[in-house]
Amino acid sequence: QAFVGVAAVVRDGVHLGARSFAGAGAG
């Protein structure tokens, strides 16, 4: 259920927690 917003960038190997929310343009 995680969400990654418009133009956000997630670095190699990162774990996104369940239901976490990354806003637009987040790094």
PDB file of all heavy atoms in Angstrom:
ATOM      1  N   GLN A   1       0.801  -1.224   0.000  1.00  0.00           N
ATOM      2  CA  GLN A   1       0.000   0.000   0.000  1.00  0.00           C
ATOM      3  C   GLN A   1       0.837   1.279   0.000  1.00  0.00           C
ATOM      4  O   GLN A   1       0.293   2.383   0.178  1.00  0.00           O
ATOM      5  CB  GLN A   1      -0.968   0.044   1.185  1.00  0.00           C
ATOM      6  CG  GLN A   1      -2.181  -0.858   1.026  1.00  0.00           C
ATOM      7  CD  GLN A   1      -3.155  -0.729   2.174  1.00  0.00           C
ATOM      8  OE1 GLN A   1      -3.323  -1.668   2.950  1.00  0.00           O
ATOM      9  NE2 GLN A   1      -3.783   0.418   2.296  1.00  0.00           N
ATOM     10  N   ALA A   2       2.123   1.202  -0.207  1.00  0.00           N
ATOM     11  CA  ALA A   2       2.935   2.414  -0.228  1.00  0.00           C
ATOM     12  C   ALA A   2       2.634   3.249  -1.471  1.00  0.00           C
ATOM     13  O   ALA A   2       2.152   2.752  -2.489  1.00  0.00           O
ATOM     14  CB  ALA A   2       4.416   2.061  -0.166  1.00  0.00           C
ATOM     15  N   PHE A   3       2.939   4.540  -1.375  1.00  0.00           N
ATOM     16  CA  PHE A   3       2.710   5.491  -2.460  1.00  0.00           C
ATOM     17  C   PHE A   3       3.983   6.280  -2.705  1.00  0.00           C
ATOM     18  O   PHE A   3       4.596   6.800  -1.767  1.00  0.00           O
ATOM     19  CB  PHE A   3       1.576   6.453  -2.088  1.00  0.00           C
ATOM     20  CG  PHE A   3       1.383   7.586  -3.060  1.00  0.00           C
ATOM     21  CD1 PHE A   3       0.569   7.439  -4.166  1.00  0.00           C
ATOM     22  CD2 PHE A   3       2.027   8.797  -2.869  1.00  0.00           C
ATOM     23  CE1 PHE A   3       0.392   8.479  -5.069  1.00  0.00           C
ATOM     24  CE2 PHE A   3       1.865   9.848  -3.758  1.00  0.00           C
ATOM     25  CZ  PHE A   3       1.044   9.690  -4.859  1.00  0.00           C
ATOM     26  N   VAL A   4       4.364   6.395  -4.004  1.00  0.00           N
ATOM     27  CA  VAL A   4       5.504   7.235  -4.394  1.00  0.00           C
ATOM     28  C   VAL A   4       4.984   8.281  -5.374  1.00  0.00           C
ATOM     29  O   VAL A   4       4.431   7.941  -6.423  1.00  0.00           O
ATOM     30  CB  VAL A   4       6.625   6.391  -5.028  1.00  0.00           C
ATOM     31  CG1 VAL A   4       7.757   7.290  -5.525  1.00  0.00           C
ATOM     32  CG2 VAL A   4       7.169   5.393  -4.017  1.00  0.00           C
ATOM     33  N   GLY A   5       5.146   9.554  -5.026  1.00  0.00           N
ATOM     34  CA  GLY A   5       4.531  10.647  -5.769  1.00  0.00           C
ATOM     35  C   GLY A   5       5.228  11.013  -7.064  1.00  0.00           C
ATOM     36  O   GLY A   5       6.294  10.479  -7.407  1.00  0.00           O
ATOM     37  N   VAL A   6       4.630  11.947  -7.768  1.00  0.00           N
ATOM     38  CA  VAL A   6       5.120  12.399  -9.067  1.00  0.00           C
ATOM     39  C   VAL A   6       6.582  12.851  -8.968  1.00  0.00           C
ATOM     40  O   VAL A   6       6.940  13.675  -8.104  1.00  0.00           O
ATOM     41  CB  VAL A   6       4.247  13.543  -9.598  1.00  0.00           C
ATOM     42  CG1 VAL A   6       4.847  14.145 -10.870  1.00  0.00           C
ATOM     43  CG2 VAL A   6       2.819  13.058  -9.873  1.00  0.00           C
ATOM     44  N   ALA A   7       7.415  12.295  -9.833  1.00  0.00           N
ATOM     45  CA  ALA A   7       8.825  12.690  -9.960  1.00  0.00           C
ATOM     46  C   ALA A   7       9.639  12.461  -8.685  1.00  0.00           C
ATOM     47  O   ALA A   7      10.737  13.010  -8.546  1.00  0.00           O
ATOM     48  CB  ALA A   7       8.957  14.135 -10.417  1.00  0.00           C
ATOM     49  N   ALA A   8       9.142  11.664  -7.763  1.00  0.00           N
ATOM     50  CA  ALA A   8       9.947  11.301  -6.598  1.00  0.00           C
ATOM     51  C   ALA A   8      11.031  10.307  -7.012  1.00  0.00           C
ATOM     52  O   ALA A   8      10.884   9.580  -8.001  1.00  0.00           O
ATOM     53  CB  ALA A   8       9.062  10.694  -5.514  1.00  0.00           C
ATOM     54  N   VAL A   9      12.128  10.282  -6.260  1.00  0.00           N
ATOM     55  CA  VAL A   9      13.255   9.399  -6.560  1.00  0.00           C
ATOM     56  C   VAL A   9      13.576   8.576  -5.315  1.00  0.00           C
ATOM     57  O   VAL A   9      13.713   9.126  -4.218  1.00  0.00           O
ATOM     58  CB  VAL A   9      14.496  10.208  -6.993  1.00  0.00           C
ATOM     59  CG1 VAL A   9      15.678   9.278  -7.227  1.00  0.00           C
ATOM     60  CG2 VAL A   9      14.208  11.019  -8.250  1.00  0.00           C
ATOM     61  N   VAL A  10      13.688   7.272  -5.507  1.00  0.00           N
ATOM     62  CA  VAL A  10      14.019   6.367  -4.407  1.00  0.00           C
ATOM     63  C   VAL A  10      15.370   5.727  -4.716  1.00  0.00           C
ATOM     64  O   VAL A  10      15.550   5.086  -5.751  1.00  0.00           O
ATOM     65  CB  VAL A  10      12.944   5.279  -4.228  1.00  0.00           C
ATOM     66  CG1 VAL A  10      13.276   4.402  -3.019  1.00  0.00           C
ATOM     67  CG2 VAL A  10      11.562   5.901  -4.071  1.00  0.00           C
ATOM     68  N   ARG A  11      16.308   5.904  -3.830  1.00  0.00           N
ATOM     69  CA  ARG A  11      17.674   5.414  -4.026  1.00  0.00           C
ATOM     70  C   ARG A  11      17.720   3.884  -4.054  1.00  0.00           C
ATOM     71  O   ARG A  11      16.880   3.200  -3.451  1.00  0.00           O
ATOM     72  CB  ARG A  11      18.547   5.918  -2.881  1.00  0.00           C
ATOM     73  CG  ARG A  11      20.030   5.646  -3.019  1.00  0.00           C
ATOM     74  CD  ARG A  11      20.751   6.273  -1.847  1.00  0.00           C
ATOM     75  NE  ARG A  11      22.197   6.125  -1.939  1.00  0.00           N
ATOM     76  CZ  ARG A  11      23.051   6.672  -1.079  1.00  0.00           C
ATOM     77  NH1 ARG A  11      22.584   7.396  -0.066  1.00  0.00           N
ATOM     78  NH2 ARG A  11      24.335   6.493  -1.222  1.00  0.00           N
ATOM     79  N   ASP A  12      18.734   3.335  -4.755  1.00  0.00           N
ATOM     80  CA  ASP A  12      18.942   1.887  -4.814  1.00  0.00           C
ATOM     81  C   ASP A  12      18.899   1.270  -3.418  1.00  0.00           C
ATOM     82  O   ASP A  12      19.498   1.787  -2.468  1.00  0.00           O
ATOM     83  CB  ASP A  12      20.315   1.562  -5.416  1.00  0.00           C
ATOM     84  CG  ASP A  12      20.440   1.938  -6.876  1.00  0.00           C
ATOM     85  OD1 ASP A  12      19.434   2.371  -7.468  1.00  0.00           O
ATOM     86  OD2 ASP A  12      21.554   1.789  -7.423  1.00  0.00           O
ATOM     87  N   GLY A  13      18.208   0.150  -3.303  1.00  0.00           N
ATOM     88  CA  GLY A  13      18.240  -0.645  -2.085  1.00  0.00           C
ATOM     89  C   GLY A  13      17.388  -0.154  -0.936  1.00  0.00           C
ATOM     90  O   GLY A  13      17.364  -0.777   0.123  1.00  0.00           O
ATOM     91  N   VAL A  14      16.646   0.933  -1.127  1.00  0.00           N
ATOM     92  CA  VAL A  14      15.835   1.487  -0.045  1.00  0.00           C
ATOM     93  C   VAL A  14      14.577   0.645   0.158  1.00  0.00           C
ATOM     94  O   VAL A  14      13.969   0.154  -0.794  1.00  0.00           O
ATOM     95  CB  VAL A  14      15.467   2.962  -0.343  1.00  0.00           C
ATOM     96  CG1 VAL A  14      14.337   3.452   0.544  1.00  0.00           C
ATOM     97  CG2 VAL A  14      16.692   3.848  -0.178  1.00  0.00           C
ATOM     98  N   HIS A  15      14.181   0.480   1.404  1.00  0.00           N
ATOM     99  CA  HIS A  15      12.921  -0.184   1.741  1.00  0.00           C
ATOM    100  C   HIS A  15      11.903   0.867   2.154  1.00  0.00           C
ATOM    101  O   HIS A  15      12.161   1.678   3.058  1.00  0.00           O
ATOM    102  CB  HIS A  15      13.103  -1.175   2.888  1.00  0.00           C
ATOM    103  CG  HIS A  15      11.803  -1.696   3.426  1.00  0.00           C
ATOM    104  ND1 HIS A  15      11.007  -2.591   2.726  1.00  0.00           N
ATOM    105  CD2 HIS A  15      11.135  -1.412   4.589  1.00  0.00           C
ATOM    106  CE1 HIS A  15       9.918  -2.844   3.428  1.00  0.00           C
ATOM    107  NE2 HIS A  15       9.976  -2.147   4.559  1.00  0.00           N
ATOM    108  N   LEU A  16      10.744   0.865   1.488  1.00  0.00           N
ATOM    109  CA  LEU A  16       9.654   1.777   1.829  1.00  0.00           C
ATOM    110  C   LEU A  16       8.656   1.031   2.703  1.00  0.00           C
ATOM    111  O   LEU A  16       8.118  -0.008   2.303  1.00  0.00           O
ATOM    112  CB  LEU A  16       8.962   2.281   0.564  1.00  0.00           C
ATOM    113  CG  LEU A  16       9.861   2.982  -0.466  1.00  0.00           C
ATOM    114  CD1 LEU A  16       9.043   3.427  -1.671  1.00  0.00           C
ATOM    115  CD2 LEU A  16      10.573   4.172   0.163  1.00  0.00           C
ATOM    116  N   GLY A  17       8.411   1.549   3.898  1.00  0.00           N
ATOM    117  CA  GLY A  17       7.508   0.883   4.823  1.00  0.00           C
ATOM    118  C   GLY A  17       6.090   0.802   4.295  1.00  0.00           C
ATOM    119  O   GLY A  17       5.655   1.606   3.456  1.00  0.00           O
ATOM    120  N   ALA A  18       5.350  -0.174   4.771  1.00  0.00           N
ATOM    121  CA  ALA A  18       3.956  -0.348   4.347  1.00  0.00           C
ATOM    122  C   ALA A  18       3.164   0.923   4.602  1.00  0.00           C
ATOM    123  O   ALA A  18       3.297   1.565   5.650  1.00  0.00           O
ATOM    124  CB  ALA A  18       3.335  -1.518   5.104  1.00  0.00           C
ATOM    125  N   ARG A  19       2.379   1.302   3.620  1.00  0.00           N
ATOM    126  CA  ARG A  19       1.483   2.470   3.674  1.00  0.00           C
ATOM    127  C   ARG A  19       2.230   3.783   3.857  1.00  0.00           C
ATOM    128  O   ARG A  19       1.638   4.782   4.246  1.00  0.00           O
ATOM    129  CB  ARG A  19       0.426   2.297   4.791  1.00  0.00           C
ATOM    130  CG  ARG A  19      -0.473   1.081   4.603  1.00  0.00           C
ATOM    131  CD  ARG A  19      -1.329   0.831   5.841  1.00  0.00           C
ATOM    132  NE  ARG A  19      -0.491   0.674   7.031  1.00  0.00           N
ATOM    133  CZ  ARG A  19       0.170  -0.442   7.342  1.00  0.00           C
ATOM    134  NH1 ARG A  19       0.082  -1.521   6.562  1.00  0.00           N
ATOM    135  NH2 ARG A  19       0.915  -0.491   8.432  1.00  0.00           N
ATOM    136  N   SER A  20       3.524   3.806   3.579  1.00  0.00           N
ATOM    137  CA  SER A  20       4.252   5.076   3.636  1.00  0.00           C
ATOM    138  C   SER A  20       3.947   5.901   2.403  1.00  0.00           C
ATOM    139  O   SER A  20       3.555   5.385   1.351  1.00  0.00           O
ATOM    140  CB  SER A  20       5.757   4.839   3.781  1.00  0.00           C
ATOM    141  OG  SER A  20       6.270   4.129   2.679  1.00  0.00           O
ATOM    142  N   PHE A  21       4.103   7.202   2.528  1.00  0.00           N
ATOM    143  CA  PHE A  21       3.712   8.152   1.482  1.00  0.00           C
ATOM    144  C   PHE A  21       4.894   9.060   1.178  1.00  0.00           C
ATOM    145  O   PHE A  21       5.366   9.790   2.061  1.00  0.00           O
ATOM    146  CB  PHE A  21       2.517   8.978   1.962  1.00  0.00           C
ATOM    147  CG  PHE A  21       1.970   9.946   0.954  1.00  0.00           C
ATOM    148  CD1 PHE A  21       0.851   9.626   0.204  1.00  0.00           C
ATOM    149  CD2 PHE A  21       2.559  11.188   0.769  1.00  0.00           C
ATOM    150  CE1 PHE A  21       0.330  10.525  -0.731  1.00  0.00           C
ATOM    151  CE2 PHE A  21       2.048  12.091  -0.154  1.00  0.00           C
ATOM    152  CZ  PHE A  21       0.938  11.759  -0.905  1.00  0.00           C
ATOM    153  N   ALA A  22       5.391   9.012  -0.057  1.00  0.00           N
ATOM    154  CA  ALA A  22       6.466   9.899  -0.506  1.00  0.00           C
ATOM    155  C   ALA A  22       5.857  10.963  -1.412  1.00  0.00           C
ATOM    156  O   ALA A  22       5.297  10.644  -2.460  1.00  0.00           O
ATOM    157  CB  ALA A  22       7.528   9.113  -1.245  1.00  0.00           C
ATOM    158  N   GLY A  23       5.939  12.211  -1.028  1.00  0.00           N
ATOM    159  CA  GLY A  23       5.310  13.286  -1.775  1.00  0.00           C
ATOM    160  C   GLY A  23       5.989  13.558  -3.108  1.00  0.00           C
ATOM    161  O   GLY A  23       7.085  13.062  -3.404  1.00  0.00           O
ATOM    162  N   ALA A  24       5.343  14.384  -3.926  1.00  0.00           N
ATOM    163  CA  ALA A  24       5.877  14.736  -5.240  1.00  0.00           C
ATOM    164  C   ALA A  24       7.272  15.335  -5.100  1.00  0.00           C
ATOM    165  O   ALA A  24       7.518  16.209  -4.266  1.00  0.00           O
ATOM    166  CB  ALA A  24       4.949  15.722  -5.926  1.00  0.00           C
ATOM    167  N   GLY A  25       8.199  14.845  -5.926  1.00  0.00           N
ATOM    168  CA  GLY A  25       9.556  15.372  -5.955  1.00  0.00           C
ATOM    169  C   GLY A  25      10.429  14.963  -4.787  1.00  0.00           C
ATOM    170  O   GLY A  25      11.569  15.435  -4.674  1.00  0.00           O
ATOM    171  N   ALA A  26       9.946  14.100  -3.921  1.00  0.00           N
ATOM    172  CA  ALA A  26      10.743  13.690  -2.762  1.00  0.00           C
ATOM    173  C   ALA A  26      11.975  12.901  -3.215  1.00  0.00           C
ATOM    174  O   ALA A  26      11.934  12.176  -4.211  1.00  0.00           O
ATOM    175  CB  ALA A  26       9.907  12.833  -1.810  1.00  0.00           C
ATOM    176  N   GLY A  27      13.057  13.028  -2.457  1.00  0.00           N
ATOM    177  CA  GLY A  27      14.265  12.254  -2.715  1.00  0.00           C
ATOM    178  C   GLY A  27      14.534  11.356  -1.524  1.00  0.00           C
ATOM    179  O   GLY A  27      14.994  11.827  -0.483  1.00  0.00           O
TER     180      GLY A  27
END
